[in-house]
Amino acid sequence: MRDLTRIYPIAARQDGVVTAAQCRTHGLRPVDVAILCRSGRWLRLARGVYVVDATGPPGRRAVIRAAVLSFGPNAVAVLGTAAELYGIGGLFRRDEVHISLPGPLARPRRILDQCVRPHQLVLRPADVTEVDGIPVTTPLRTVADLVLQLDRYTAVSVLDSSLNRELLDDEDLDSLPALMAGRRGAVASRPWLLEADGRAESPLESRSRLRCVDGNVAPDELQYPVRDRAGRLLGFGDLAWTWARLVAEADGAEPHSQPEAVYRDRRRQNDFANAGFTVVRFTWQDTLAPDYIPHVIRAALTRARAGAA
């Protein structure tokens, strides 16, 4: 067996993945790679792409990298896969890898349990960059492509997340219509750009806000600083109706389900209540019913008006 010390540092920089070409460059013959795979030390992920540590399942980033590498040097991660690489929230399907290729449309492949779905997007050089060495569409092009394919709630969540993570700014939002013009879905989705708000810190906040907007009880503020009577900052309310001293909190299942998070949330709710604020809480399930969140907010606002009369 040839010396492997030169190939492992390369794999460490590539999510544990190496290509057959890299193996040849660093002195590993095809027969050496075949022996490593037969022994179970390496795993073939795709044509000419291997993961060098087969002791556990490859990570999602390794699968994405392998998919892009397996389709050759012109392959680019696009759509939801590009958004995933950037950490853009709002998209939840993780069983596909989306890539774009020039020329004739290639057939889908599978890498482990993931479907690699090729597309034929027309990409300019300015539309492509890299994330940790993986070719990927720029944040602006990624969001433009996604918004055209999504429903309003998911599209606004993606826009909010992109702004919140500072992957896009207001100038980028202004340029999105030109990128979308003439493409299927452009007319329907263009008004959604006006609803984007980078203050939303999660897709659940975005969806809760849209339910309120659709129910004609839109919040006055997002990430509203709640202070006690002495002016001490107690925290930030996800959505707020300031005149009514009403705050809505969006409770995502994962970040709010841990014991320390539950304790922190309850203590903060008590602090808000002692400062004279009414607090209502919403979960993902609540956003699935169009009328539930507006009903709760409307009832709280009605009580606030009655109390002020």
C-alpha atoms as a PDB file:
ATOM      1  CA  MET A   1       0.000   0.000   0.000  1.00  0.00           C
ATOM      2  CA  ARG A   2       1.289   3.439  -0.916  1.00  0.00           C
ATOM      3  CA  ASP A   3       1.838   6.203   1.643  1.00  0.00           C
ATOM      4  CA  LEU A   4      -1.469   7.906   2.546  1.00  0.00           C
ATOM      5  CA  THR A   5      -0.042  10.795   4.556  1.00  0.00           C
ATOM      6  CA  ARG A   6      -0.284  13.213   1.636  1.00  0.00           C
ATOM      7  CA  ILE A   7      -3.904  12.466   0.760  1.00  0.00           C
ATOM      8  CA  TYR A   8      -5.431  12.764   4.224  1.00  0.00           C
ATOM      9  CA  PRO A   9      -4.709  16.508   4.660  1.00  0.00           C
ATOM     10  CA  ILE A  10      -6.499  17.085   1.342  1.00  0.00           C
ATOM     11  CA  ALA A  11      -9.488  15.081   2.537  1.00  0.00           C
ATOM     12  CA  ALA A  12      -9.536  17.069   5.789  1.00  0.00           C
ATOM     13  CA  ARG A  13     -10.017  20.266   3.769  1.00  0.00           C
ATOM     14  CA  GLN A  14     -12.778  18.682   1.662  1.00  0.00           C
ATOM     15  CA  ASP A  15     -15.206  17.231   4.208  1.00  0.00           C
ATOM     16  CA  GLY A  16     -13.361  13.900   4.114  1.00  0.00           C
ATOM     17  CA  VAL A  17     -13.748  13.574   0.336  1.00  0.00           C
ATOM     18  CA  VAL A  18     -11.061  13.036  -2.313  1.00  0.00           C
ATOM     19  CA  THR A  19     -11.207  12.455  -6.051  1.00  0.00           C
ATOM     20  CA  ALA A  20      -9.543   9.778  -8.135  1.00  0.00           C
ATOM     21  CA  ALA A  21      -7.495  12.504  -9.845  1.00  0.00           C
ATOM     22  CA  GLN A  22      -6.210  13.763  -6.493  1.00  0.00           C
ATOM     23  CA  CYS A  23      -5.299  10.224  -5.531  1.00  0.00           C
ATOM     24  CA  ARG A  24      -3.266   9.779  -8.725  1.00  0.00           C
ATOM     25  CA  THR A  25      -1.538  13.131  -8.235  1.00  0.00           C
ATOM     26  CA  HIS A  26      -0.413  12.092  -4.763  1.00  0.00           C
ATOM     27  CA  GLY A  27       0.839   8.649  -5.683  1.00  0.00           C
ATOM     28  CA  LEU A  28      -2.169   6.394  -5.144  1.00  0.00           C
ATOM     29  CA  ARG A  29      -2.860   3.977  -7.978  1.00  0.00           C
ATOM     30  CA  PRO A  30      -6.404   2.840  -8.871  1.00  0.00           C
ATOM     31  CA  VAL A  31      -5.560  -0.566  -7.404  1.00  0.00           C
ATOM     32  CA  ASP A  32      -4.625   1.089  -4.090  1.00  0.00           C
ATOM     33  CA  VAL A  33      -7.956   2.905  -3.979  1.00  0.00           C
ATOM     34  CA  ALA A  34      -9.790  -0.326  -4.816  1.00  0.00           C
ATOM     35  CA  ILE A  35      -8.048  -2.119  -1.938  1.00  0.00           C
ATOM     36  CA  LEU A  36      -8.950   0.658   0.490  1.00  0.00           C
ATOM     37  CA  CYS A  37     -12.617   0.476  -0.574  1.00  0.00           C
ATOM     38  CA  ARG A  38     -12.747  -3.324  -0.358  1.00  0.00           C
ATOM     39  CA  SER A  39     -11.247  -3.192   3.126  1.00  0.00           C
ATOM     40  CA  GLY A  40     -13.992  -0.816   4.273  1.00  0.00           C
ATOM     41  CA  ARG A  41     -11.552   1.965   5.148  1.00  0.00           C
ATOM     42  CA  TRP A  42     -12.734   4.104   2.232  1.00  0.00           C
ATOM     43  CA  LEU A  43     -16.181   4.410   0.685  1.00  0.00           C
ATOM     44  CA  ARG A  44     -16.974   5.177  -2.937  1.00  0.00           C
ATOM     45  CA  LEU A  45     -19.595   7.940  -2.892  1.00  0.00           C
ATOM     46  CA  ALA A  46     -19.850   8.598  -6.611  1.00  0.00           C
ATOM     47  CA  ARG A  47     -17.931   8.032  -9.803  1.00  0.00           C
ATOM     48  CA  GLY A  48     -14.331   8.978  -9.068  1.00  0.00           C
ATOM     49  CA  VAL A  49     -15.139  10.362  -5.598  1.00  0.00           C
ATOM     50  CA  TYR A  50     -14.351   8.697  -2.274  1.00  0.00           C
ATOM     51  CA  VAL A  51     -14.722   9.392   1.425  1.00  0.00           C
ATOM     52  CA  VAL A  52     -11.569   8.397   3.279  1.00  0.00           C
ATOM     53  CA  ASP A  53     -13.174   7.561   6.635  1.00  0.00           C
ATOM     54  CA  ALA A  54     -15.905   4.953   6.331  1.00  0.00           C
ATOM     55  CA  THR A  55     -16.366   4.390  10.085  1.00  0.00           C
ATOM     56  CA  GLY A  56     -19.616   6.354  10.028  1.00  0.00           C
ATOM     57  CA  PRO A  57     -22.093   7.774   7.508  1.00  0.00           C
ATOM     58  CA  PRO A  58     -20.710  10.672   5.470  1.00  0.00           C
ATOM     59  CA  GLY A  59     -21.913  14.131   6.441  1.00  0.00           C
ATOM     60  CA  ARG A  60     -24.323  16.112   4.303  1.00  0.00           C
ATOM     61  CA  ARG A  61     -21.552  18.480   3.156  1.00  0.00           C
ATOM     62  CA  ALA A  62     -19.484  15.483   1.989  1.00  0.00           C
ATOM     63  CA  VAL A  63     -22.432  14.221  -0.072  1.00  0.00           C
ATOM     64  CA  ILE A  64     -22.930  17.649  -1.667  1.00  0.00           C
ATOM     65  CA  ARG A  65     -19.246  17.958  -2.492  1.00  0.00           C
ATOM     66  CA  ALA A  66     -19.166  14.453  -3.932  1.00  0.00           C
ATOM     67  CA  ALA A  67     -22.213  15.177  -6.086  1.00  0.00           C
ATOM     68  CA  VAL A  68     -20.679  18.323  -7.555  1.00  0.00           C
ATOM     69  CA  LEU A  69     -17.301  16.651  -8.150  1.00  0.00           C
ATOM     70  CA  SER A  70     -18.873  13.598  -9.767  1.00  0.00           C
ATOM     71  CA  PHE A  71     -20.475  15.683 -12.538  1.00  0.00           C
ATOM     72  CA  GLY A  72     -17.214  17.324 -13.548  1.00  0.00           C
ATOM     73  CA  PRO A  73     -15.583  20.756 -13.372  1.00  0.00           C
ATOM     74  CA  ASN A  74     -18.572  22.658 -14.770  1.00  0.00           C
ATOM     75  CA  ALA A  75     -21.048  21.474 -12.129  1.00  0.00           C
ATOM     76  CA  VAL A  76     -22.403  24.117  -9.742  1.00  0.00           C
ATOM     77  CA  ALA A  77     -24.533  23.681  -6.613  1.00  0.00           C
ATOM     78  CA  VAL A  78     -27.802  25.593  -7.085  1.00  0.00           C
ATOM     79  CA  LEU A  79     -31.266  26.223  -5.632  1.00  0.00           C
ATOM     80  CA  GLY A  80     -31.929  24.622  -2.243  1.00  0.00           C
ATOM     81  CA  THR A  81     -28.474  23.050  -2.087  1.00  0.00           C
ATOM     82  CA  ALA A  82     -26.810  26.428  -2.587  1.00  0.00           C
ATOM     83  CA  ALA A  83     -29.078  27.904   0.081  1.00  0.00           C
ATOM     84  CA  GLU A  84     -28.097  25.073   2.434  1.00  0.00           C
ATOM     85  CA  LEU A  85     -24.399  25.786   1.910  1.00  0.00           C
ATOM     86  CA  TYR A  86     -24.995  29.427   2.811  1.00  0.00           C
ATOM     87  CA  GLY A  87     -27.089  28.536   5.860  1.00  0.00           C
ATOM     88  CA  ILE A  88     -30.197  30.232   4.487  1.00  0.00           C
ATOM     89  CA  GLY A  89     -33.263  29.166   6.465  1.00  0.00           C
ATOM     90  CA  GLY A  90     -36.784  28.417   5.337  1.00  0.00           C
ATOM     91  CA  LEU A  91     -36.156  25.296   3.246  1.00  0.00           C
ATOM     92  CA  PHE A  92     -36.511  21.946   4.941  1.00  0.00           C
ATOM     93  CA  ARG A  93     -36.055  19.258   2.295  1.00  0.00           C
ATOM     94  CA  ARG A  94     -32.632  17.642   2.601  1.00  0.00           C
ATOM     95  CA  ASP A  95     -32.999  14.471   0.529  1.00  0.00           C
ATOM     96  CA  GLU A  96     -31.869  16.012  -2.766  1.00  0.00           C
ATOM     97  CA  VAL A  97     -28.751  17.693  -4.094  1.00  0.00           C
ATOM     98  CA  HIS A  98     -29.385  20.275  -6.821  1.00  0.00           C
ATOM     99  CA  ILE A  99     -26.649  21.016  -9.343  1.00  0.00           C
ATOM    100  CA  SER A 100     -26.559  22.836 -12.656  1.00  0.00           C
ATOM    101  CA  LEU A 101     -24.647  21.730 -15.733  1.00  0.00           C
ATOM    102  CA  PRO A 102     -24.175  23.335 -19.136  1.00  0.00           C
ATOM    103  CA  GLY A 103     -25.093  21.397 -22.249  1.00  0.00           C
ATOM    104  CA  PRO A 104     -27.554  18.495 -22.497  1.00  0.00           C
ATOM    105  CA  LEU A 105     -29.465  17.810 -19.296  1.00  0.00           C
ATOM    106  CA  ALA A 106     -27.927  14.902 -17.413  1.00  0.00           C
ATOM    107  CA  ARG A 107     -29.928  12.169 -15.746  1.00  0.00           C
ATOM    108  CA  PRO A 108     -30.393  12.167 -11.963  1.00  0.00           C
ATOM    109  CA  ARG A 109     -28.106   9.979  -9.896  1.00  0.00           C
ATOM    110  CA  ARG A 110     -28.104   8.723  -6.331  1.00  0.00           C
ATOM    111  CA  ILE A 111     -25.403   9.133  -3.714  1.00  0.00           C
ATOM    112  CA  LEU A 112     -26.279   6.929  -0.778  1.00  0.00           C
ATOM    113  CA  ASP A 113     -29.874   7.914   0.046  1.00  0.00           C
ATOM    114  CA  GLN A 114     -29.670  11.296  -1.674  1.00  0.00           C
ATOM    115  CA  CYS A 115     -31.019  12.056  -5.140  1.00  0.00           C
ATOM    116  CA  VAL A 116     -28.696  14.261  -7.180  1.00  0.00           C
ATOM    117  CA  ARG A 117     -30.943  16.298  -9.457  1.00  0.00           C
ATOM    118  CA  PRO A 118     -29.259  18.062 -12.396  1.00  0.00           C
ATOM    119  CA  HIS A 119     -30.646  21.319 -13.819  1.00  0.00           C
ATOM    120  CA  GLN A 120     -29.765  23.377 -16.847  1.00  0.00           C
ATOM    121  CA  LEU A 121     -29.647  26.953 -15.576  1.00  0.00           C
ATOM    122  CA  VAL A 122     -28.085  29.650 -17.710  1.00  0.00           C
ATOM    123  CA  LEU A 123     -25.345  30.978 -15.449  1.00  0.00           C
ATOM    124  CA  ARG A 124     -23.001  33.864 -16.121  1.00  0.00           C
ATOM    125  CA  PRO A 125     -19.498  33.821 -14.579  1.00  0.00           C
ATOM    126  CA  ALA A 126     -20.700  36.525 -12.180  1.00  0.00           C
ATOM    127  CA  ASP A 127     -23.440  34.185 -10.940  1.00  0.00           C
ATOM    128  CA  VAL A 128     -20.967  31.617  -9.599  1.00  0.00           C
ATOM    129  CA  THR A 129     -18.691  31.693  -6.558  1.00  0.00           C
ATOM    130  CA  GLU A 130     -17.390  29.098  -4.074  1.00  0.00           C
ATOM    131  CA  VAL A 131     -18.246  27.992  -0.549  1.00  0.00           C
ATOM    132  CA  ASP A 132     -15.331  26.097   0.982  1.00  0.00           C
ATOM    133  CA  GLY A 133     -14.172  25.151  -2.483  1.00  0.00           C
ATOM    134  CA  ILE A 134     -17.579  23.987  -3.724  1.00  0.00           C
ATOM    135  CA  PRO A 135     -18.795  25.881  -6.835  1.00  0.00           C
ATOM    136  CA  VAL A 136     -22.129  27.464  -5.987  1.00  0.00           C
ATOM    137  CA  THR A 137     -24.392  30.201  -7.264  1.00  0.00           C
ATOM    138  CA  THR A 138     -23.987  33.538  -5.502  1.00  0.00           C
ATOM    139  CA  PRO A 139     -26.455  34.364  -2.712  1.00  0.00           C
ATOM    140  CA  LEU A 140     -28.241  36.840  -4.996  1.00  0.00           C
ATOM    141  CA  ARG A 141     -28.635  34.378  -7.862  1.00  0.00           C
ATOM    142  CA  THR A 142     -29.573  31.587  -5.450  1.00  0.00           C
ATOM    143  CA  VAL A 143     -32.377  33.624  -3.897  1.00  0.00           C
ATOM    144  CA  ALA A 144     -33.625  34.805  -7.304  1.00  0.00           C
ATOM    145  CA  ASP A 145     -33.839  31.211  -8.557  1.00  0.00           C
ATOM    146  CA  LEU A 146     -35.571  29.994  -5.408  1.00  0.00           C
ATOM    147  CA  VAL A 147     -38.172  32.735  -5.105  1.00  0.00           C
ATOM    148  CA  LEU A 148     -39.432  31.884  -8.599  1.00  0.00           C
ATOM    149  CA  GLN A 149     -40.121  28.296  -7.528  1.00  0.00           C
ATOM    150  CA  LEU A 150     -41.522  28.715  -4.014  1.00  0.00           C
ATOM    151  CA  ASP A 151     -44.829  29.612  -2.438  1.00  0.00           C
ATOM    152  CA  ARG A 152     -45.143  33.030  -0.815  1.00  0.00           C
ATOM    153  CA  TYR A 153     -44.568  31.952   2.794  1.00  0.00           C
ATOM    154  CA  THR A 154     -41.451  29.940   1.983  1.00  0.00           C
ATOM    155  CA  ALA A 155     -40.105  32.596  -0.386  1.00  0.00           C
ATOM    156  CA  VAL A 156     -40.453  35.384   2.186  1.00  0.00           C
ATOM    157  CA  SER A 157     -38.802  33.147   4.793  1.00  0.00           C
ATOM    158  CA  VAL A 158     -35.848  32.649   2.433  1.00  0.00           C
ATOM    159  CA  LEU A 159     -35.640  36.381   1.741  1.00  0.00           C
ATOM    160  CA  ASP A 160     -35.809  37.221   5.455  1.00  0.00           C
ATOM    161  CA  SER A 161     -33.083  34.711   6.302  1.00  0.00           C
ATOM    162  CA  SER A 162     -30.806  35.971   3.519  1.00  0.00           C
ATOM    163  CA  LEU A 163     -31.158  39.529   4.801  1.00  0.00           C
ATOM    164  CA  ASN A 164     -30.773  38.533   8.446  1.00  0.00           C
ATOM    165  CA  ARG A 165     -27.553  36.638   7.682  1.00  0.00           C
ATOM    166  CA  GLU A 166     -26.332  39.672   5.694  1.00  0.00           C
ATOM    167  CA  LEU A 167     -25.979  37.604   2.548  1.00  0.00           C
ATOM    168  CA  LEU A 168     -28.203  40.179   0.822  1.00  0.00           C
ATOM    169  CA  ASP A 169     -28.875  43.836   1.522  1.00  0.00           C
ATOM    170  CA  ASP A 170     -31.514  46.330   0.429  1.00  0.00           C
ATOM    171  CA  GLU A 171     -29.597  47.106  -2.758  1.00  0.00           C
ATOM    172  CA  ASP A 172     -29.628  43.420  -3.642  1.00  0.00           C
ATOM    173  CA  LEU A 173     -33.384  43.311  -3.080  1.00  0.00           C
ATOM    174  CA  ASP A 174     -33.756  46.151  -5.557  1.00  0.00           C
ATOM    175  CA  SER A 175     -31.813  44.180  -8.164  1.00  0.00           C
ATOM    176  CA  LEU A 176     -33.798  40.950  -7.784  1.00  0.00           C
ATOM    177  CA  PRO A 177     -36.672  41.953 -10.130  1.00  0.00           C
ATOM    178  CA  ALA A 178     -34.234  42.365 -13.019  1.00  0.00           C
ATOM    179  CA  LEU A 179     -32.776  38.884 -12.371  1.00  0.00           C
ATOM    180  CA  MET A 180     -36.273  37.402 -12.241  1.00  0.00           C
ATOM    181  CA  ALA A 181     -37.757  39.294 -15.193  1.00  0.00           C
ATOM    182  CA  GLY A 182     -39.099  37.192 -18.042  1.00  0.00           C
ATOM    183  CA  ARG A 183     -38.860  33.930 -16.096  1.00  0.00           C
ATOM    184  CA  ARG A 184     -41.763  31.733 -15.082  1.00  0.00           C
ATOM    185  CA  GLY A 185     -43.175  32.889 -11.752  1.00  0.00           C
ATOM    186  CA  ALA A 186     -41.670  36.389 -11.911  1.00  0.00           C
ATOM    187  CA  VAL A 187     -44.976  38.287 -12.042  1.00  0.00           C
ATOM    188  CA  ALA A 188     -46.551  36.373  -9.168  1.00  0.00           C
ATOM    189  CA  SER A 189     -43.507  36.478  -6.903  1.00  0.00           C
ATOM    190  CA  ARG A 190     -42.392  40.077  -7.405  1.00  0.00           C
ATOM    191  CA  PRO A 191     -44.744  41.525  -4.718  1.00  0.00           C
ATOM    192  CA  TRP A 192     -43.237  39.126  -2.167  1.00  0.00           C
ATOM    193  CA  LEU A 193     -39.949  41.043  -2.331  1.00  0.00           C
ATOM    194  CA  LEU A 194     -41.698  43.975  -0.655  1.00  0.00           C
ATOM    195  CA  GLU A 195     -42.595  41.773   2.321  1.00  0.00           C
ATOM    196  CA  ALA A 196     -39.028  40.779   3.159  1.00  0.00           C
ATOM    197  CA  ASP A 197     -37.698  41.902   6.542  1.00  0.00           C
ATOM    198  CA  GLY A 198     -34.233  40.995   7.760  1.00  0.00           C
ATOM    199  CA  ARG A 199     -35.182  41.503  11.398  1.00  0.00           C
ATOM    200  CA  ALA A 200     -36.901  38.106  11.390  1.00  0.00           C
ATOM    201  CA  GLU A 201     -34.521  35.639  13.020  1.00  0.00           C
ATOM    202  CA  SER A 202     -36.196  32.395  11.962  1.00  0.00           C
ATOM    203  CA  PRO A 203     -38.613  31.021   9.355  1.00  0.00           C
ATOM    204  CA  LEU A 204     -41.166  30.587  12.151  1.00  0.00           C
ATOM    205  CA  GLU A 205     -41.028  34.314  12.867  1.00  0.00           C
ATOM    206  CA  SER A 206     -41.451  35.050   9.171  1.00  0.00           C
ATOM    207  CA  ARG A 207     -44.465  32.777   8.829  1.00  0.00           C
ATOM    208  CA  SER A 208     -46.066  34.098  12.030  1.00  0.00           C
ATOM    209  CA  ARG A 209     -45.670  37.654  10.739  1.00  0.00           C
ATOM    210  CA  LEU A 210     -47.262  36.776   7.403  1.00  0.00           C
ATOM    211  CA  ARG A 211     -50.233  35.171   9.163  1.00  0.00           C
ATOM    212  CA  CYS A 212     -50.689  38.412  11.068  1.00  0.00           C
ATOM    213  CA  VAL A 213     -50.409  40.481   7.890  1.00  0.00           C
ATOM    214  CA  ASP A 214     -52.960  38.305   6.128  1.00  0.00           C
ATOM    215  CA  GLY A 215     -55.268  38.584   9.141  1.00  0.00           C
ATOM    216  CA  ASN A 216     -55.051  42.413   9.145  1.00  0.00           C
ATOM    217  CA  VAL A 217     -53.277  42.478  12.512  1.00  0.00           C
ATOM    218  CA  ALA A 218     -49.737  43.202  11.325  1.00  0.00           C
ATOM    219  CA  PRO A 219     -47.223  43.903  14.122  1.00  0.00           C
ATOM    220  CA  ASP A 220     -45.807  47.391  14.650  1.00  0.00           C
ATOM    221  CA  GLU A 221     -42.280  46.168  15.326  1.00  0.00           C
ATOM    222  CA  LEU A 222     -40.026  43.137  15.028  1.00  0.00           C
ATOM    223  CA  GLN A 223     -37.333  42.331  17.588  1.00  0.00           C
ATOM    224  CA  TYR A 224     -38.848  44.943  19.869  1.00  0.00           C
ATOM    225  CA  PRO A 225     -36.719  45.901  22.901  1.00  0.00           C
ATOM    226  CA  VAL A 226     -38.810  45.235  26.015  1.00  0.00           C
ATOM    227  CA  ARG A 227     -37.743  47.262  29.049  1.00  0.00           C
ATOM    228  CA  ASP A 228     -38.917  47.376  32.631  1.00  0.00           C
ATOM    229  CA  ARG A 229     -40.166  50.549  34.278  1.00  0.00           C
ATOM    230  CA  ALA A 230     -36.587  51.484  35.207  1.00  0.00           C
ATOM    231  CA  GLY A 231     -35.514  51.216  31.557  1.00  0.00           C
ATOM    232  CA  ARG A 232     -33.560  47.985  31.972  1.00  0.00           C
ATOM    233  CA  LEU A 233     -33.567  45.839  28.833  1.00  0.00           C
ATOM    234  CA  LEU A 234     -35.339  42.542  29.494  1.00  0.00           C
ATOM    235  CA  GLY A 235     -35.107  41.070  26.003  1.00  0.00           C
ATOM    236  CA  PHE A 236     -36.437  41.403  22.488  1.00  0.00           C
ATOM    237  CA  GLY A 237     -39.964  40.404  21.486  1.00  0.00           C
ATOM    238  CA  ASP A 238     -40.146  38.650  18.120  1.00  0.00           C
ATOM    239  CA  LEU A 239     -43.321  40.533  17.120  1.00  0.00           C
ATOM    240  CA  ALA A 240     -44.802  43.498  18.962  1.00  0.00           C
ATOM    241  CA  TRP A 241     -47.915  45.672  18.979  1.00  0.00           C
ATOM    242  CA  THR A 242     -46.429  48.527  20.934  1.00  0.00           C
ATOM    243  CA  TRP A 243     -49.568  50.544  21.715  1.00  0.00           C
ATOM    244  CA  ALA A 244     -51.148  47.461  23.286  1.00  0.00           C
ATOM    245  CA  ARG A 245     -47.940  46.352  25.054  1.00  0.00           C
ATOM    246  CA  LEU A 246     -48.403  43.005  23.361  1.00  0.00           C
ATOM    247  CA  VAL A 247     -45.514  40.712  22.364  1.00  0.00           C
ATOM    248  CA  ALA A 248     -45.650  37.463  20.371  1.00  0.00           C
ATOM    249  CA  GLU A 249     -42.863  34.911  20.643  1.00  0.00           C
ATOM    250  CA  ALA A 250     -42.182  32.294  17.967  1.00  0.00           C
ATOM    251  CA  ASP A 251     -41.100  29.085  19.691  1.00  0.00           C
ATOM    252  CA  GLY A 252     -39.180  26.789  17.378  1.00  0.00           C
ATOM    253  CA  ALA A 253     -39.202  23.159  18.517  1.00  0.00           C
ATOM    254  CA  GLU A 254     -35.455  22.601  18.632  1.00  0.00           C
ATOM    255  CA  PRO A 255     -34.066  25.782  20.228  1.00  0.00           C
ATOM    256  CA  HIS A 256     -36.908  26.093  22.738  1.00  0.00           C
ATOM    257  CA  SER A 257     -37.278  22.443  23.791  1.00  0.00           C
ATOM    258  CA  GLN A 258     -34.082  22.053  25.806  1.00  0.00           C
ATOM    259  CA  PRO A 259     -34.536  22.310  29.597  1.00  0.00           C
ATOM    260  CA  GLU A 260     -32.320  25.386  29.929  1.00  0.00           C
ATOM    261  CA  ALA A 261     -34.210  27.079  27.077  1.00  0.00           C
ATOM    262  CA  VAL A 262     -37.570  26.315  28.675  1.00  0.00           C
ATOM    263  CA  TYR A 263     -36.334  27.803  31.949  1.00  0.00           C
ATOM    264  CA  ARG A 264     -35.004  30.891  30.175  1.00  0.00           C
ATOM    265  CA  ASP A 265     -38.218  31.388  28.185  1.00  0.00           C
ATOM    266  CA  ARG A 266     -40.418  31.112  31.269  1.00  0.00           C
ATOM    267  CA  ARG A 267     -38.289  33.527  33.248  1.00  0.00           C
ATOM    268  CA  ARG A 268     -38.270  36.018  30.395  1.00  0.00           C
ATOM    269  CA  GLN A 269     -42.048  35.741  30.033  1.00  0.00           C
ATOM    270  CA  ASN A 270     -42.425  36.540  33.726  1.00  0.00           C
ATOM    271  CA  ASP A 271     -40.101  39.527  33.331  1.00  0.00           C
ATOM    272  CA  PHE A 272     -42.152  40.794  30.379  1.00  0.00           C
ATOM    273  CA  ALA A 273     -45.408  40.326  32.302  1.00  0.00           C
ATOM    274  CA  ASN A 274     -44.058  42.195  35.337  1.00  0.00           C
ATOM    275  CA  ALA A 275     -43.088  45.047  32.998  1.00  0.00           C
ATOM    276  CA  GLY A 276     -46.729  45.290  31.889  1.00  0.00           C
ATOM    277  CA  PHE A 277     -46.545  43.335  28.626  1.00  0.00           C
ATOM    278  CA  THR A 278     -48.904  40.596  27.493  1.00  0.00           C
ATOM    279  CA  VAL A 279     -47.019  37.688  25.929  1.00  0.00           C
ATOM    280  CA  VAL A 280     -48.497  35.150  23.504  1.00  0.00           C
ATOM    281  CA  ARG A 281     -46.495  32.255  22.057  1.00  0.00           C
ATOM    282  CA  PHE A 282     -46.757  30.490  18.721  1.00  0.00           C
ATOM    283  CA  THR A 283     -45.302  27.251  17.379  1.00  0.00           C
ATOM    284  CA  TRP A 284     -44.841  25.942  13.846  1.00  0.00           C
ATOM    285  CA  GLN A 285     -48.092  24.017  14.106  1.00  0.00           C
ATOM    286  CA  ASP A 286     -49.928  27.260  14.831  1.00  0.00           C
ATOM    287  CA  THR A 287     -48.794  28.755  11.507  1.00  0.00           C
ATOM    288  CA  LEU A 288     -50.445  25.937   9.554  1.00  0.00           C
ATOM    289  CA  ALA A 289     -53.948  27.185  10.394  1.00  0.00           C
ATOM    290  CA  PRO A 290     -54.594  30.490   8.569  1.00  0.00           C
ATOM    291  CA  ASP A 291     -56.962  31.912  11.186  1.00  0.00           C
ATOM    292  CA  TYR A 292     -55.427  30.817  14.480  1.00  0.00           C
ATOM    293  CA  ILE A 293     -52.649  33.386  14.956  1.00  0.00           C
ATOM    294  CA  PRO A 294     -54.765  36.370  13.795  1.00  0.00           C
ATOM    295  CA  HIS A 295     -57.569  35.216  16.135  1.00  0.00           C
ATOM    296  CA  VAL A 296     -55.242  35.140  19.147  1.00  0.00           C
ATOM    297  CA  ILE A 297     -53.734  38.541  18.317  1.00  0.00           C
ATOM    298  CA  ARG A 298     -57.106  40.130  17.611  1.00  0.00           C
ATOM    299  CA  ALA A 299     -58.471  38.920  20.943  1.00  0.00           C
ATOM    300  CA  ALA A 300     -55.435  40.284  22.810  1.00  0.00           C
ATOM    301  CA  LEU A 301     -55.755  43.651  21.060  1.00  0.00           C
ATOM    302  CA  THR A 302     -59.449  43.787  21.910  1.00  0.00           C
ATOM    303  CA  ARG A 303     -58.636  43.235  25.594  1.00  0.00           C
ATOM    304  CA  ALA A 304     -56.001  45.962  25.430  1.00  0.00           C
ATOM    305  CA  ARG A 305     -58.485  48.450  23.959  1.00  0.00           C
ATOM    306  CA  ALA A 306     -61.069  47.566  26.611  1.00  0.00           C
ATOM    307  CA  GLY A 307     -58.497  48.068  29.338  1.00  0.00           C
ATOM    308  CA  ALA A 308     -57.493  51.448  27.968  1.00  0.00           C
ATOM    309  CA  ALA A 309     -61.070  52.692  27.701  1.00  0.00           C
END
